[in-house]
Amino acid sequence: SESDWAELREAQSMTMALPQTGQAVIIDIGEAEDIHPRNKQDVGLRLALNALKLTYGKDIVHTGPVYQSMTKEGNKIVLTFTNVGSGLKATDKYGYLKSFSIAGADKKFVWAKAYVQGNTVVVYSDEVPNPVAVRYAWANNPDDANLYNVEGLPASPFRTDDWKGVTQR
């Protein structure tokens, strides 16, 4: 479904276009009913990684995967990312990625199957034979989002479409 919190996170991510700007993704340590997490220590550690990389020039992985592009391959969409670090991983013990949805031109999103393939993510659903868009962790509280880099930093929530959201008029 549509989510004003997801759109707020997207707006915050848009600020990354400014030079010397960092972002600490905290989707995995937030609170279900409060956009401000109680766990300030991990937030501070992630912000410190940004400072070490962007301000002090340290050669470190400072953030989790960030959506870069998509290509359509038959009934699947293959996603590429920046900031993959040593590689992508699912934190599910069986290796399944969660919190992905997919839609066709009708703009109706359904839950999708997704898996890591090298440094890409493949997304599909038997319900959408001709997919055009993917969303990840697009919800107020996407508590099952589990795409990370090997360094343990979570992927930023994203969408591949630019369809009008609930906060746009």
Protein backbone atom coordinates (compact mmCIF):
# COMPACT_ATOMS: atom_id res chain seq x y z
CA SER A 1 0.00 0.00 0.00
CA GLU A 2 1.00 3.61 -0.16
CA SER A 3 2.92 5.07 2.77
CA ASP A 4 3.58 8.64 3.83
CA TRP A 5 6.52 7.45 5.99
CA ALA A 6 8.07 5.77 2.94
CA GLU A 7 7.69 9.00 0.99
CA LEU A 8 9.32 10.93 3.85
CA ARG A 9 12.28 8.52 3.79
CA GLU A 10 12.48 8.97 0.02
CA ALA A 11 12.57 12.76 0.43
CA GLN A 12 15.36 12.41 2.98
CA SER A 13 17.31 10.20 0.56
CA MET A 14 16.94 12.82 -2.16
CA THR A 15 19.18 15.13 -0.12
CA MET A 16 22.04 12.76 -0.92
CA ALA A 17 22.36 14.62 -4.24
CA LEU A 18 24.00 17.46 -2.30
CA PRO A 19 27.80 17.27 -1.94
CA GLN A 20 29.34 15.99 1.30
CA THR A 21 25.99 14.64 2.48
CA GLY A 22 25.64 11.38 4.40
CA GLN A 23 22.72 9.30 5.54
CA ALA A 24 22.39 6.70 8.25
CA VAL A 25 19.75 4.17 7.25
CA ILE A 26 18.05 3.01 10.43
CA ILE A 27 15.14 1.04 9.01
CA ASP A 28 16.23 -1.97 11.04
CA ILE A 29 16.53 -0.23 14.41
CA GLY A 30 13.53 2.08 14.34
CA GLU A 31 10.29 1.94 16.25
CA ALA A 32 6.99 0.66 14.84
CA GLU A 33 4.93 3.63 16.01
CA ASP A 34 7.58 6.35 16.21
CA ILE A 35 9.83 7.59 13.43
CA HIS A 36 12.51 8.38 16.03
CA PRO A 37 14.37 5.28 17.30
CA ARG A 38 15.26 4.77 20.95
CA ASN A 39 18.52 3.07 19.94
CA LYS A 40 20.68 6.18 19.55
CA GLN A 41 24.00 4.32 19.84
CA ASP A 42 23.69 2.44 16.53
CA VAL A 43 22.38 5.59 14.84
CA GLY A 44 25.50 7.41 16.08
CA LEU A 45 27.79 4.63 14.88
CA ARG A 46 26.29 4.77 11.38
CA LEU A 47 26.56 8.53 11.28
CA ALA A 48 30.19 8.22 12.39
CA LEU A 49 30.88 5.91 9.41
CA ASN A 50 29.59 8.68 7.13
CA ALA A 51 31.83 11.25 8.81
CA LEU A 52 34.88 9.00 8.57
CA LYS A 53 34.31 8.44 4.84
CA LEU A 54 32.97 11.81 3.67
CA THR A 55 34.83 14.22 5.95
CA TYR A 56 38.03 12.37 6.76
CA GLY A 57 38.41 10.39 3.53
CA LYS A 58 38.79 6.98 5.17
CA ASP A 59 38.57 4.03 2.76
CA ILE A 60 35.64 2.30 4.46
CA VAL A 61 32.17 1.06 3.65
CA HIS A 62 30.04 3.80 5.17
CA THR A 63 26.52 2.90 4.13
CA GLY A 64 24.38 0.01 2.98
CA PRO A 65 23.28 -0.75 -0.57
CA VAL A 66 21.57 2.05 -2.48
CA TYR A 67 19.37 1.36 -5.50
CA GLN A 68 21.06 2.37 -8.76
CA SER A 69 19.20 0.94 -11.75
CA MET A 70 16.90 -1.78 -13.04
CA THR A 71 16.67 -3.90 -16.16
CA LYS A 72 13.81 -6.11 -17.23
CA GLU A 73 14.62 -9.70 -18.15
CA GLY A 74 11.44 -11.48 -19.21
CA ASN A 75 9.10 -11.61 -16.22
CA LYS A 76 11.84 -10.52 -13.80
CA ILE A 77 13.44 -7.24 -12.84
CA VAL A 78 17.15 -7.18 -12.03
CA LEU A 79 18.28 -4.41 -9.68
CA THR A 80 21.79 -2.98 -9.33
CA PHE A 81 23.11 -1.06 -6.35
CA THR A 82 25.92 1.20 -5.26
CA ASN A 83 27.61 0.71 -1.88
CA VAL A 84 27.48 -3.06 -2.01
CA GLY A 85 30.74 -3.25 -0.05
CA SER A 86 31.98 -6.86 -0.03
CA GLY A 87 28.66 -8.05 -1.48
CA LEU A 88 24.93 -8.27 -0.91
CA LYS A 89 23.23 -10.61 1.53
CA ALA A 90 19.84 -11.48 2.98
CA THR A 91 19.73 -11.70 6.75
CA ASP A 92 17.08 -14.45 6.59
CA LYS A 93 18.57 -17.78 7.69
CA TYR A 94 17.30 -19.36 4.46
CA GLY A 95 18.64 -16.57 2.24
CA TYR A 96 15.26 -15.20 1.18
CA LEU A 97 14.84 -11.50 0.61
CA LYS A 98 11.69 -9.94 1.99
CA SER A 99 9.82 -6.64 1.73
CA PHE A 100 9.95 -6.48 -2.09
CA SER A 101 6.84 -5.74 -4.13
CA ILE A 102 6.41 -5.61 -7.89
CA ALA A 103 3.86 -4.11 -10.28
CA GLY A 104 2.91 -4.06 -13.91
CA ALA A 105 1.66 -1.06 -15.88
CA ASP A 106 -1.60 -1.23 -13.88
CA LYS A 107 0.35 0.12 -10.86
CA LYS A 108 -0.99 -2.64 -8.60
CA PHE A 109 1.80 -3.87 -6.36
CA VAL A 110 1.92 -7.45 -5.08
CA TRP A 111 4.45 -9.12 -2.80
CA ALA A 112 7.34 -10.46 -4.81
CA LYS A 113 9.95 -13.15 -4.56
CA ALA A 114 13.49 -11.82 -4.59
CA TYR A 115 16.98 -13.22 -4.30
CA VAL A 116 20.59 -12.07 -4.40
CA GLN A 117 22.48 -12.98 -7.56
CA GLY A 118 26.07 -11.76 -7.33
CA ASN A 119 25.86 -8.02 -6.69
CA THR A 120 22.32 -7.75 -8.05
CA VAL A 121 18.84 -8.58 -6.77
CA VAL A 122 16.35 -10.44 -8.96
CA VAL A 123 12.66 -9.72 -8.28
CA TYR A 124 9.58 -11.45 -9.73
CA SER A 125 6.05 -12.65 -9.10
CA ASP A 126 3.91 -15.13 -11.01
CA GLU A 127 1.07 -12.62 -10.58
CA VAL A 128 2.90 -9.98 -12.66
CA PRO A 129 3.97 -11.44 -16.03
CA ASN A 130 5.09 -8.05 -17.41
CA PRO A 131 6.66 -6.10 -14.50
CA VAL A 132 7.58 -2.43 -14.77
CA ALA A 133 8.29 -1.34 -11.19
CA VAL A 134 9.69 -2.62 -7.89
CA ARG A 135 9.52 -1.23 -4.37
CA TYR A 136 11.58 -2.26 -1.36
CA ALA A 137 10.64 -1.61 2.26
CA TRP A 138 7.89 0.74 1.05
CA ALA A 139 5.79 0.89 4.21
CA ASN A 140 5.46 2.81 7.45
CA ASN A 141 7.19 0.03 9.39
CA PRO A 142 8.85 -2.47 7.04
CA ASP A 143 10.00 -4.72 9.86
CA ASP A 144 10.91 -7.58 7.52
CA ALA A 145 13.31 -5.61 5.29
CA ASN A 146 16.43 -7.75 5.16
CA LEU A 147 18.72 -6.68 2.31
CA TYR A 148 22.18 -5.75 3.63
CA ASN A 149 25.75 -5.59 2.48
CA VAL A 150 28.21 -8.10 3.94
CA GLU A 151 29.47 -5.35 6.27
CA GLY A 152 26.08 -5.45 8.00
CA LEU A 153 24.58 -2.16 6.83
CA PRO A 154 20.95 -2.18 5.64
CA ALA A 155 19.83 -1.19 2.16
CA SER A 156 17.98 2.07 1.77
CA PRO A 157 14.26 1.68 1.07
CA PHE A 158 13.45 2.65 -2.52
CA ARG A 159 11.11 2.52 -5.44
CA THR A 160 11.92 2.28 -9.13
CA ASP A 161 8.76 4.10 -10.23
CA ASP A 162 7.91 7.78 -10.08
CA TRP A 163 4.17 7.32 -9.75
CA LYS A 164 2.26 9.90 -7.77
CA GLY A 165 2.24 9.12 -4.05
CA VAL A 166 -0.08 9.90 -1.17
CA THR A 167 1.77 13.09 -0.22
CA GLN A 168 1.58 14.58 -3.72
CA ARG A 169 -1.40 16.55 -4.90
